[in-house]
C-alpha atoms as a PDB file:
ATOM      1  CA  UNK A   1       0.000   0.000   0.000  1.00  0.00           C
ATOM      2  CA  UNK A   2       1.421   3.355  -1.048  1.00  0.00           C
ATOM      3  CA  UNK A   3       1.262   6.633   0.795  1.00  0.00           C
ATOM      4  CA  UNK A   4      -0.824   9.303  -0.936  1.00  0.00           C
ATOM      5  CA  UNK A   5       0.147  12.948  -0.351  1.00  0.00           C
ATOM      6  CA  UNK A   6      -0.888  16.295  -1.815  1.00  0.00           C
ATOM      7  CA  UNK A   7       1.475  18.195  -4.090  1.00  0.00           C
ATOM      8  CA  UNK A   8       2.710  21.238  -2.118  1.00  0.00           C
ATOM      9  CA  UNK A   9       2.416  23.439  -5.212  1.00  0.00           C
ATOM     10  CA  UNK A  10      -0.899  22.557  -6.851  1.00  0.00           C
ATOM     11  CA  UNK A  11      -2.587  20.254  -4.339  1.00  0.00           C
ATOM     12  CA  UNK A  12      -2.959  17.270  -6.694  1.00  0.00           C
ATOM     13  CA  UNK A  13      -2.852  13.848  -5.082  1.00  0.00           C
ATOM     14  CA  UNK A  14       0.483  12.113  -5.528  1.00  0.00           C
ATOM     15  CA  UNK A  15       1.583   8.575  -4.822  1.00  0.00           C
ATOM     16  CA  UNK A  16       4.749   8.629  -2.691  1.00  0.00           C
ATOM     17  CA  UNK A  17       6.679   5.965  -4.582  1.00  0.00           C
ATOM     18  CA  UNK A  18      10.160   5.551  -6.019  1.00  0.00           C
ATOM     19  CA  UNK A  19       8.715   5.680  -9.545  1.00  0.00           C
ATOM     20  CA  UNK A  20       7.760   9.332  -8.880  1.00  0.00           C
ATOM     21  CA  UNK A  21      11.111  11.123  -9.120  1.00  0.00           C
ATOM     22  CA  UNK A  22       9.480  14.511  -8.364  1.00  0.00           C
ATOM     23  CA  UNK A  23       7.964  13.454  -5.045  1.00  0.00           C
ATOM     24  CA  UNK A  24       6.434  15.067  -3.020  1.00  0.00           C
ATOM     25  CA  UNK A  25       5.474  17.099  -6.097  1.00  0.00           C
ATOM     26  CA  UNK A  26       3.200  15.775  -8.828  1.00  0.00           C
ATOM     27  CA  UNK A  27       5.550  16.804 -11.646  1.00  0.00           C
ATOM     28  CA  UNK A  28       8.894  18.344 -12.480  1.00  0.00           C
ATOM     29  CA  UNK A  29       7.020  21.564 -13.304  1.00  0.00           C
ATOM     30  CA  UNK A  30       5.582  21.881  -9.768  1.00  0.00           C
ATOM     31  CA  UNK A  31       9.000  21.042  -8.342  1.00  0.00           C
ATOM     32  CA  UNK A  32      10.593  23.896 -10.343  1.00  0.00           C
ATOM     33  CA  UNK A  33       7.825  26.348  -9.396  1.00  0.00           C
ATOM     34  CA  UNK A  34       8.566  25.646  -5.730  1.00  0.00           C
ATOM     35  CA  UNK A  35      12.322  25.995  -6.290  1.00  0.00           C
ATOM     36  CA  UNK A  36      11.722  29.334  -8.015  1.00  0.00           C
ATOM     37  CA  UNK A  37       9.675  30.569  -5.062  1.00  0.00           C
ATOM     38  CA  UNK A  38      12.546  29.750  -2.694  1.00  0.00           C
ATOM     39  CA  UNK A  39      15.090  31.356  -5.049  1.00  0.00           C
ATOM     40  CA  UNK A  40      13.075  34.589  -5.269  1.00  0.00           C
ATOM     41  CA  UNK A  41      12.693  34.577  -1.476  1.00  0.00           C
ATOM     42  CA  UNK A  42       8.906  34.226  -1.628  1.00  0.00           C
ATOM     43  CA  UNK A  43       9.301  31.660   1.151  1.00  0.00           C
ATOM     44  CA  UNK A  44      11.258  32.484   4.271  1.00  0.00           C
ATOM     45  CA  UNK A  45      12.208  30.564   7.361  1.00  0.00           C
ATOM     46  CA  UNK A  46      11.408  32.600  10.470  1.00  0.00           C
ATOM     47  CA  UNK A  47      14.325  33.408  12.747  1.00  0.00           C
ATOM     48  CA  UNK A  48      14.331  34.643  16.333  1.00  0.00           C
ATOM     49  CA  UNK A  49      14.930  38.163  14.985  1.00  0.00           C
ATOM     50  CA  UNK A  50      11.804  37.930  12.781  1.00  0.00           C
ATOM     51  CA  UNK A  51       9.687  36.821  15.727  1.00  0.00           C
ATOM     52  CA  UNK A  52      10.979  39.512  18.096  1.00  0.00           C
ATOM     53  CA  UNK A  53      10.513  42.207  15.420  1.00  0.00           C
ATOM     54  CA  UNK A  54       6.907  41.093  14.917  1.00  0.00           C
ATOM     55  CA  UNK A  55       6.292  41.124  18.671  1.00  0.00           C
ATOM     56  CA  UNK A  56       7.812  44.609  18.958  1.00  0.00           C
ATOM     57  CA  UNK A  57       5.695  46.033  16.144  1.00  0.00           C
ATOM     58  CA  UNK A  58       2.479  44.471  17.494  1.00  0.00           C
ATOM     59  CA  UNK A  59       3.318  45.767  20.987  1.00  0.00           C
ATOM     60  CA  UNK A  60       3.784  49.307  19.672  1.00  0.00           C
ATOM     61  CA  UNK A  61       0.479  49.074  17.796  1.00  0.00           C
ATOM     62  CA  UNK A  62      -1.377  47.906  20.911  1.00  0.00           C
ATOM     63  CA  UNK A  63       0.291  50.659  22.978  1.00  0.00           C
ATOM     64  CA  UNK A  64      -0.880  53.318  20.510  1.00  0.00           C
ATOM     65  CA  UNK A  65      -4.430  52.006  20.412  1.00  0.00           C
ATOM     66  CA  UNK A  66      -4.753  52.158  24.225  1.00  0.00           C
ATOM     67  CA  UNK A  67      -3.910  55.874  24.336  1.00  0.00           C
END
């Protein structure tokens, strides 16, 4: 029995098997679209600095709204 997953790019169902060289993607095209998104920095991995900056900006917004 094979594992069935959804393609991260288009959402199509994909069989997770060795015969699918693009796994977890449904095709080479979806694989390259995802690679392009990483290369253009559309995706980012959050760092501690990103989290603290978001907390600081939301804190300053809530401080202003309570005035």
